[in-house]
C-alpha atoms as a PDB file:
ATOM      1  CA  MET A   1     -20.249 -13.247 -18.454  1.00  0.00           C
ATOM      2  CA  ALA A   2     -17.062 -12.439 -17.750  1.00  0.00           C
ATOM      3  CA  SER A   3     -14.903 -14.148 -14.857  1.00  0.00           C
ATOM      4  CA  PRO A   4     -11.724 -12.792 -13.085  1.00  0.00           C
ATOM      5  CA  GLY A   5      -8.477 -14.477 -14.421  1.00  0.00           C
ATOM      6  CA  PRO A   6      -5.558 -15.260 -12.913  1.00  0.00           C
ATOM      7  CA  ALA A   7      -3.952 -11.743 -13.189  1.00  0.00           C
ATOM      8  CA  LEU A   8      -7.053 -10.165 -11.263  1.00  0.00           C
ATOM      9  CA  LEU A   9      -6.832 -12.887  -8.598  1.00  0.00           C
ATOM     10  CA  PHE A  10      -3.235 -12.512  -8.044  1.00  0.00           C
ATOM     11  CA  LEU A  11      -3.596  -8.535  -7.905  1.00  0.00           C
ATOM     12  CA  LEU A  12      -6.291  -8.875  -5.214  1.00  0.00           C
ATOM     13  CA  ARG A  13      -4.172 -11.166  -3.179  1.00  0.00           C
ATOM     14  CA  GLN A  14      -1.112  -8.970  -3.284  1.00  0.00           C
ATOM     15  CA  ALA A  15      -3.157  -6.096  -2.374  1.00  0.00           C
ATOM     16  CA  ILE A  16      -4.972  -7.712   0.302  1.00  0.00           C
ATOM     17  CA  SER A  17      -1.918  -9.074   1.773  1.00  0.00           C
ATOM     18  CA  GLY A  18       0.499  -6.535   1.271  1.00  0.00           C
ATOM     19  CA  GLY A  19      -1.582  -3.295   1.313  1.00  0.00           C
ATOM     20  CA  PHE A  20      -1.973  -0.331  -1.181  1.00  0.00           C
ATOM     21  CA  ARG A  21       1.574   0.137  -2.242  1.00  0.00           C
ATOM     22  CA  ARG A  22       1.983  -3.468  -3.058  1.00  0.00           C
ATOM     23  CA  GLY A  23      -1.324  -3.523  -4.913  1.00  0.00           C
ATOM     24  CA  MET A  24      -0.251  -0.537  -6.887  1.00  0.00           C
ATOM     25  CA  ALA A  25       3.331  -2.184  -7.830  1.00  0.00           C
ATOM     26  CA  THR A  26       1.447  -5.387  -8.752  1.00  0.00           C
ATOM     27  CA  GLY A  27      -0.989  -3.491 -10.950  1.00  0.00           C
ATOM     28  CA  ALA A  28       1.881  -1.471 -12.660  1.00  0.00           C
ATOM     29  CA  GLY A  29       3.765  -4.551 -13.447  1.00  0.00           C
ATOM     30  CA  LEU A  30       0.726  -6.371 -14.723  1.00  0.00           C
ATOM     31  CA  GLY A  31      -0.159  -3.128 -16.965  1.00  0.00           C
ATOM     32  CA  LEU A  32       3.506  -2.951 -18.420  1.00  0.00           C
ATOM     33  CA  MET A  33       3.528  -6.705 -18.979  1.00  0.00           C
ATOM     34  CA  ALA A  34       0.223  -6.463 -21.060  1.00  0.00           C
ATOM     35  CA  ALA A  35       1.725  -3.291 -22.841  1.00  0.00           C
ATOM     36  CA  ALA A  36       4.810  -5.219 -23.628  1.00  0.00           C
ATOM     37  CA  TRP A  37       3.157  -8.369 -24.990  1.00  0.00           C
ATOM     38  CA  THR A  38       0.875  -5.898 -27.157  1.00  0.00           C
ATOM     39  CA  GLY A  39       3.926  -4.355 -28.732  1.00  0.00           C
ATOM     40  CA  ALA A  40       5.426  -7.755 -29.351  1.00  0.00           C
ATOM     41  CA  ALA A  41       2.407  -8.880 -31.109  1.00  0.00           C
ATOM     42  CA  LEU A  42       2.450  -5.615 -33.348  1.00  0.00           C
ATOM     43  CA  LEU A  43       6.214  -6.160 -34.131  1.00  0.00           C
ATOM     44  CA  GLY A  44       5.657  -9.516 -35.119  1.00  0.00           C
ATOM     45  CA  LEU A  45       2.512  -8.578 -37.396  1.00  0.00           C
ATOM     46  CA  ARG A  46       4.761  -5.697 -38.951  1.00  0.00           C
ATOM     47  CA  TRP A  47       7.500  -8.353 -39.663  1.00  0.00           C
ATOM     48  CA  CYS A  48       5.077 -10.587 -41.035  1.00  0.00           C
ATOM     49  CA  SER A  49       3.268  -8.644 -43.398  1.00  0.00           C
ATOM     50  CA  PRO A  50       5.407  -8.338 -46.128  1.00  0.00           C
ATOM     51  CA  CYS A  51       5.774 -12.155 -46.136  1.00  0.00           C
ATOM     52  CA  PHE A  52       2.009 -12.374 -47.529  1.00  0.00           C
ATOM     53  CA  PRO A  53       1.252 -10.309 -51.004  1.00  0.00           C
ATOM     54  CA  GLN A  54      -0.809  -7.486 -50.536  1.00  0.00           C
ATOM     55  CA  PRO A  55      -4.312  -7.549 -52.493  1.00  0.00           C
ATOM     56  CA  SER A  56      -4.772  -5.248 -55.543  1.00  0.00           C
ATOM     57  CA  TRP A  57      -8.498  -4.544 -55.139  1.00  0.00           C
END
């Protein structure tokens, strides 16, 4: 069972207190940061992959 995390609770708080526009801005910001973290992780993996030898199967 999944429970809402702090990002969803923050989004709901912003949307309820500030309205649709603030909720959309918060959601866009959270999505942008998720994409940035994913991109950073992929770049890190790409940078680390030459450090380890590839199997020759």
